[in-house]
PDB file of N, CA and C in Angstrom:
ATOM      1  N   MET A   1     -89.629  40.043   2.811  1.00  0.00           N
ATOM      2  CA  MET A   1     -90.263  38.742   2.964  1.00  0.00           C
ATOM      3  C   MET A   1     -89.979  38.227   4.374  1.00  0.00           C
ATOM      4  N   PRO A   2     -90.999  37.883   5.120  1.00  0.00           N
ATOM      5  CA  PRO A   2     -90.781  37.387   6.481  1.00  0.00           C
ATOM      6  C   PRO A   2     -90.213  35.976   6.475  1.00  0.00           C
ATOM      7  N   ALA A   3     -89.450  35.670   7.498  1.00  0.00           N
ATOM      8  CA  ALA A   3     -88.863  34.332   7.627  1.00  0.00           C
ATOM      9  C   ALA A   3     -89.953  33.312   7.934  1.00  0.00           C
ATOM     10  N   PRO A   4     -89.825  32.098   7.420  1.00  0.00           N
ATOM     11  CA  PRO A   4     -90.823  31.047   7.682  1.00  0.00           C
ATOM     12  C   PRO A   4     -90.837  30.642   9.155  1.00  0.00           C
ATOM     13  N   GLU A   5     -91.946  30.085   9.580  1.00  0.00           N
ATOM     14  CA  GLU A   5     -92.127  29.742  10.999  1.00  0.00           C
ATOM     15  C   GLU A   5     -91.769  28.295  11.347  1.00  0.00           C
ATOM     16  N   THR A   6     -91.934  27.354  10.420  1.00  0.00           N
ATOM     17  CA  THR A   6     -91.704  25.952  10.752  1.00  0.00           C
ATOM     18  C   THR A   6     -90.214  25.631  10.797  1.00  0.00           C
ATOM     19  N   GLY A   7     -89.860  24.524  11.423  1.00  0.00           N
ATOM     20  CA  GLY A   7     -88.465  24.165  11.648  1.00  0.00           C
ATOM     21  C   GLY A   7     -87.672  23.887  10.381  1.00  0.00           C
ATOM     22  N   ILE A   8     -88.187  23.033   9.510  1.00  0.00           N
ATOM     23  CA  ILE A   8     -87.464  22.670   8.290  1.00  0.00           C
ATOM     24  C   ILE A   8     -87.380  23.870   7.354  1.00  0.00           C
ATOM     25  N   ALA A   9     -88.482  24.576   7.194  1.00  0.00           N
ATOM     26  CA  ALA A   9     -88.488  25.743   6.311  1.00  0.00           C
ATOM     27  C   ALA A   9     -87.559  26.826   6.852  1.00  0.00           C
ATOM     28  N   ARG A  10     -87.547  27.027   8.144  1.00  0.00           N
ATOM     29  CA  ARG A  10     -86.670  28.039   8.745  1.00  0.00           C
ATOM     30  C   ARG A  10     -85.201  27.667   8.552  1.00  0.00           C
ATOM     31  N   THR A  11     -84.859  26.392   8.748  1.00  0.00           N
ATOM     32  CA  THR A  11     -83.481  25.941   8.555  1.00  0.00           C
ATOM     33  C   THR A  11     -83.056  26.114   7.102  1.00  0.00           C
ATOM     34  N   LEU A  12     -83.920  25.735   6.186  1.00  0.00           N
ATOM     35  CA  LEU A  12     -83.617  25.895   4.765  1.00  0.00           C
ATOM     36  C   LEU A  12     -83.447  27.364   4.409  1.00  0.00           C
ATOM     37  N   TYR A  13     -84.326  28.197   4.901  1.00  0.00           N
ATOM     38  CA  TYR A  13     -84.229  29.626   4.624  1.00  0.00           C
ATOM     39  C   TYR A  13     -82.930  30.206   5.179  1.00  0.00           C
ATOM     40  N   ASN A  14     -82.599  29.888   6.410  1.00  0.00           N
ATOM     41  CA  ASN A  14     -81.397  30.446   7.040  1.00  0.00           C
ATOM     42  C   ASN A  14     -80.110  29.934   6.406  1.00  0.00           C
ATOM     43  N   SER A  15     -80.129  28.706   5.862  1.00  0.00           N
ATOM     44  CA  SER A  15     -78.900  28.143   5.315  1.00  0.00           C
ATOM     45  C   SER A  15     -78.737  28.385   3.813  1.00  0.00           C
ATOM     46  N   ALA A  16     -79.813  28.553   3.067  1.00  0.00           N
ATOM     47  CA  ALA A  16     -79.689  28.617   1.611  1.00  0.00           C
ATOM     48  C   ALA A  16     -80.267  29.885   0.990  1.00  0.00           C
ATOM     49  N   PHE A  17     -81.385  30.365   1.467  1.00  0.00           N
ATOM     50  CA  PHE A  17     -82.099  31.433   0.765  1.00  0.00           C
ATOM     51  C   PHE A  17     -81.894  32.817   1.363  1.00  0.00           C
ATOM     52  N   ARG A  18     -81.289  32.902   2.502  1.00  0.00           N
ATOM     53  CA  ARG A  18     -81.176  34.202   3.170  1.00  0.00           C
ATOM     54  C   ARG A  18     -80.223  35.144   2.433  1.00  0.00           C
ATOM     55  N   ARG A  19     -79.106  34.622   1.970  1.00  0.00           N
ATOM     56  CA  ARG A  19     -78.141  35.455   1.243  1.00  0.00           C
ATOM     57  C   ARG A  19     -78.151  35.067  -0.225  1.00  0.00           C
ATOM     58  N   ASN A  20     -78.215  36.060  -1.063  1.00  0.00           N
ATOM     59  CA  ASN A  20     -78.307  35.831  -2.502  1.00  0.00           C
ATOM     60  C   ASN A  20     -77.074  35.103  -3.035  1.00  0.00           C
ATOM     61  N   SER A  21     -75.889  35.415  -2.520  1.00  0.00           N
ATOM     62  CA  SER A  21     -74.670  34.780  -3.013  1.00  0.00           C
ATOM     63  C   SER A  21     -74.675  33.276  -2.747  1.00  0.00           C
ATOM     64  N   VAL A  22     -75.176  32.869  -1.601  1.00  0.00           N
ATOM     65  CA  VAL A  22     -75.257  31.440  -1.285  1.00  0.00           C
ATOM     66  C   VAL A  22     -76.284  30.766  -2.186  1.00  0.00           C
ATOM     67  N   PHE A  23     -77.420  31.423  -2.392  1.00  0.00           N
ATOM     68  CA  PHE A  23     -78.477  30.877  -3.231  1.00  0.00           C
ATOM     69  C   PHE A  23     -77.991  30.683  -4.661  1.00  0.00           C
ATOM     70  N   VAL A  24     -77.302  31.676  -5.217  1.00  0.00           N
ATOM     71  CA  VAL A  24     -76.769  31.574  -6.575  1.00  0.00           C
ATOM     72  C   VAL A  24     -75.704  30.486  -6.649  1.00  0.00           C
ATOM     73  N   GLY A  25     -74.865  30.377  -5.620  1.00  0.00           N
ATOM     74  CA  GLY A  25     -73.864  29.316  -5.582  1.00  0.00           C
ATOM     75  C   GLY A  25     -74.487  27.935  -5.579  1.00  0.00           C
ATOM     76  N   ILE A  26     -75.570  27.777  -4.825  1.00  0.00           N
ATOM     77  CA  ILE A  26     -76.281  26.490  -4.798  1.00  0.00           C
ATOM     78  C   ILE A  26     -76.874  26.177  -6.166  1.00  0.00           C
ATOM     79  N   ILE A  27     -77.407  27.183  -6.835  1.00  0.00           N
ATOM     80  CA  ILE A  27     -77.969  26.968  -8.172  1.00  0.00           C
ATOM     81  C   ILE A  27     -76.880  26.521  -9.147  1.00  0.00           C
ATOM     82  N   PHE A  28     -75.722  27.193  -9.127  1.00  0.00           N
ATOM     83  CA  PHE A  28     -74.627  26.804 -10.026  1.00  0.00           C
ATOM     84  C   PHE A  28     -74.109  25.407  -9.703  1.00  0.00           C
ATOM     85  N   ALA A  29     -73.943  25.088  -8.435  1.00  0.00           N
ATOM     86  CA  ALA A  29     -73.447  23.762  -8.052  1.00  0.00           C
ATOM     87  C   ALA A  29     -74.436  22.672  -8.468  1.00  0.00           C
ATOM     88  N   THR A  30     -75.721  22.929  -8.279  1.00  0.00           N
ATOM     89  CA  THR A  30     -76.743  21.957  -8.670  1.00  0.00           C
ATOM     90  C   THR A  30     -76.767  21.770 -10.184  1.00  0.00           C
ATOM     91  N   ALA A  31     -76.671  22.871 -10.933  1.00  0.00           N
ATOM     92  CA  ALA A  31     -76.667  22.773 -12.398  1.00  0.00           C
ATOM     93  C   ALA A  31     -75.443  22.006 -12.888  1.00  0.00           C
ATOM     94  N   PHE A  32     -74.283  22.273 -12.303  1.00  0.00           N
ATOM     95  CA  PHE A  32     -73.066  21.570 -12.706  1.00  0.00           C
ATOM     96  C   PHE A  32     -73.178  20.076 -12.402  1.00  0.00           C
ATOM     97  N   THR A  33     -73.661  19.734 -11.223  1.00  0.00           N
ATOM     98  CA  THR A  33     -73.826  18.332 -10.838  1.00  0.00           C
ATOM     99  C   THR A  33     -74.814  17.627 -11.760  1.00  0.00           C
ATOM    100  N   PHE A  34     -75.931  18.292 -12.067  1.00  0.00           N
ATOM    101  CA  PHE A  34     -76.916  17.705 -12.972  1.00  0.00           C
ATOM    102  C   PHE A  34     -76.313  17.486 -14.353  1.00  0.00           C
ATOM    103  N   GLU A  35     -75.543  18.465 -14.846  1.00  0.00           N
ATOM    104  CA  GLU A  35     -74.933  18.339 -16.171  1.00  0.00           C
ATOM    105  C   GLU A  35     -73.974  17.161 -16.241  1.00  0.00           C
ATOM    106  N   VAL A  36     -73.128  17.005 -15.236  1.00  0.00           N
ATOM    107  CA  VAL A  36     -72.169  15.899 -15.220  1.00  0.00           C
ATOM    108  C   VAL A  36     -72.912  14.565 -15.161  1.00  0.00           C
ATOM    109  N   GLY A  37     -73.892  14.463 -14.296  1.00  0.00           N
ATOM    110  CA  GLY A  37     -74.667  13.224 -14.181  1.00  0.00           C
ATOM    111  C   GLY A  37     -75.426  12.902 -15.450  1.00  0.00           C
ATOM    112  N   PHE A  38     -76.050  13.908 -16.052  1.00  0.00           N
ATOM    113  CA  PHE A  38     -76.809  13.701 -17.290  1.00  0.00           C
ATOM    114  C   PHE A  38     -75.888  13.245 -18.414  1.00  0.00           C
ATOM    115  N   ASP A  39     -74.707  13.869 -18.520  1.00  0.00           N
ATOM    116  CA  ASP A  39     -73.741  13.467 -19.547  1.00  0.00           C
ATOM    117  C   ASP A  39     -73.297  12.022 -19.361  1.00  0.00           C
ATOM    118  N   LYS A  40     -73.024  11.621 -18.135  1.00  0.00           N
ATOM    119  CA  LYS A  40     -72.589  10.247 -17.879  1.00  0.00           C
ATOM    120  C   LYS A  40     -73.684   9.246 -18.220  1.00  0.00           C
ATOM    121  N   VAL A  41     -74.916   9.552 -17.862  1.00  0.00           N
ATOM    122  CA  VAL A  41     -76.031   8.637 -18.144  1.00  0.00           C
ATOM    123  C   VAL A  41     -76.267   8.532 -19.645  1.00  0.00           C
ATOM    124  N   THR A  42     -76.284   9.660 -20.350  1.00  0.00           N
ATOM    125  CA  THR A  42     -76.526   9.593 -21.794  1.00  0.00           C
ATOM    126  C   THR A  42     -75.362   8.930 -22.529  1.00  0.00           C
ATOM    127  N   ASP A  43     -74.122   9.161 -22.086  1.00  0.00           N
ATOM    128  CA  ASP A  43     -72.991   8.463 -22.694  1.00  0.00           C
ATOM    129  C   ASP A  43     -73.085   6.958 -22.483  1.00  0.00           C
ATOM    130  N   TYR A  44     -73.496   6.542 -21.288  1.00  0.00           N
ATOM    131  CA  TYR A  44     -73.654   5.112 -21.010  1.00  0.00           C
ATOM    132  C   TYR A  44     -74.731   4.506 -21.915  1.00  0.00           C
ATOM    133  N   ILE A  45     -75.851   5.192 -22.057  1.00  0.00           N
ATOM    134  CA  ILE A  45     -76.929   4.683 -22.912  1.00  0.00           C
ATOM    135  C   ILE A  45     -76.460   4.598 -24.362  1.00  0.00           C
ATOM    136  N   TRP A  46     -75.783   5.648 -24.847  1.00  0.00           N
ATOM    137  CA  TRP A  46     -75.283   5.667 -26.220  1.00  0.00           C
ATOM    138  C   TRP A  46     -74.294   4.527 -26.455  1.00  0.00           C
ATOM    139  N   ASP A  47     -73.348   4.367 -25.527  1.00  0.00           N
ATOM    140  CA  ASP A  47     -72.336   3.320 -25.679  1.00  0.00           C
ATOM    141  C   ASP A  47     -72.947   1.929 -25.619  1.00  0.00           C
ATOM    142  N   SER A  48     -73.936   1.717 -24.765  1.00  0.00           N
ATOM    143  CA  SER A  48     -74.537   0.387 -24.661  1.00  0.00           C
ATOM    144  C   SER A  48     -75.383   0.061 -25.897  1.00  0.00           C
ATOM    145  N   ARG A  49     -76.028   1.058 -26.485  1.00  0.00           N
ATOM    146  CA  ARG A  49     -76.846   0.804 -27.678  1.00  0.00           C
ATOM    147  C   ARG A  49     -76.006   0.661 -28.943  1.00  0.00           C
ATOM    148  N   ASN A  50     -74.779   1.204 -28.939  1.00  0.00           N
ATOM    149  CA  ASN A  50     -73.926   1.157 -30.119  1.00  0.00           C
ATOM    150  C   ASN A  50     -72.659   0.341 -29.900  1.00  0.00           C
ATOM    151  N   LYS A  51     -72.715  -0.604 -28.990  1.00  0.00           N
ATOM    152  CA  LYS A  51     -71.549  -1.429 -28.694  1.00  0.00           C
ATOM    153  C   LYS A  51     -71.159  -2.242 -29.927  1.00  0.00           C
ATOM    154  N   GLY A  52     -69.862  -2.216 -30.244  1.00  0.00           N
ATOM    155  CA  GLY A  52     -69.354  -2.938 -31.398  1.00  0.00           C
ATOM    156  C   GLY A  52     -69.356  -2.135 -32.683  1.00  0.00           C
ATOM    157  N   LYS A  53     -69.944  -0.953 -32.688  1.00  0.00           N
ATOM    158  CA  LYS A  53     -70.021  -0.125 -33.886  1.00  0.00           C
ATOM    159  C   LYS A  53     -69.126   1.106 -33.802  1.00  0.00           C
ATOM    160  N   GLN A  54     -68.556   1.362 -32.659  1.00  0.00           N
ATOM    161  CA  GLN A  54     -67.770   2.572 -32.461  1.00  0.00           C
ATOM    162  C   GLN A  54     -66.280   2.287 -32.645  1.00  0.00           C
ATOM    163  N   TRP A  55     -65.542   3.350 -32.949  1.00  0.00           N
ATOM    164  CA  TRP A  55     -64.116   3.208 -33.194  1.00  0.00           C
ATOM    165  C   TRP A  55     -63.403   2.622 -31.992  1.00  0.00           C
ATOM    166  N   LYS A  56     -63.778   3.020 -30.790  1.00  0.00           N
ATOM    167  CA  LYS A  56     -63.097   2.490 -29.605  1.00  0.00           C
ATOM    168  C   LYS A  56     -63.300   0.982 -29.448  1.00  0.00           C
ATOM    169  N   ASP A  57     -64.343   0.445 -30.069  1.00  0.00           N
ATOM    170  CA  ASP A  57     -64.603  -0.992 -29.993  1.00  0.00           C
ATOM    171  C   ASP A  57     -63.879  -1.777 -31.092  1.00  0.00           C
ATOM    172  N   ILE A  58     -63.649  -1.166 -32.244  1.00  0.00           N
ATOM    173  CA  ILE A  58     -63.091  -1.910 -33.387  1.00  0.00           C
ATOM    174  C   ILE A  58     -61.671  -1.497 -33.755  1.00  0.00           C
ATOM    175  N   LYS A  59     -61.081  -0.550 -33.072  1.00  0.00           N
ATOM    176  CA  LYS A  59     -59.759  -0.053 -33.474  1.00  0.00           C
ATOM    177  C   LYS A  59     -58.677  -1.119 -33.370  1.00  0.00           C
ATOM    178  N   ASP A  60     -58.832  -2.111 -32.518  1.00  0.00           N
ATOM    179  CA  ASP A  60     -57.847  -3.178 -32.426  1.00  0.00           C
ATOM    180  C   ASP A  60     -57.796  -4.032 -33.693  1.00  0.00           C
ATOM    181  N   ASN A  61     -58.864  -4.061 -34.441  1.00  0.00           N
ATOM    182  CA  ASN A  61     -58.903  -4.826 -35.691  1.00  0.00           C
ATOM    183  C   ASN A  61     -58.050  -4.196 -36.785  1.00  0.00           C
ATOM    184  N   TYR A  62     -57.737  -2.911 -36.662  1.00  0.00           N
ATOM    185  CA  TYR A  62     -57.041  -2.190 -37.720  1.00  0.00           C
ATOM    186  C   TYR A  62     -55.608  -1.780 -37.349  1.00  0.00           C
ATOM    187  N   GLN A  63     -55.127  -2.210 -36.231  1.00  0.00           N
ATOM    188  CA  GLN A  63     -53.773  -1.832 -35.829  1.00  0.00           C
ATOM    189  C   GLN A  63     -52.788  -2.950 -36.087  1.00  0.00           C
TER     190      GLN A  63
END
């Protein structure tokens, strides 16, 4: 596959896509970052919709 000619595409190709190990590392890092962010967002939504109904919210009433 020939290298791209434009500046941004050439920089991206030389820094990320030229070596397979770097490309795979970027994929794993991106997937891990997405997973952590997605988990935090869904936990926030779950906690906000169920506020007052979860054990962490009512455990002080039973101690």
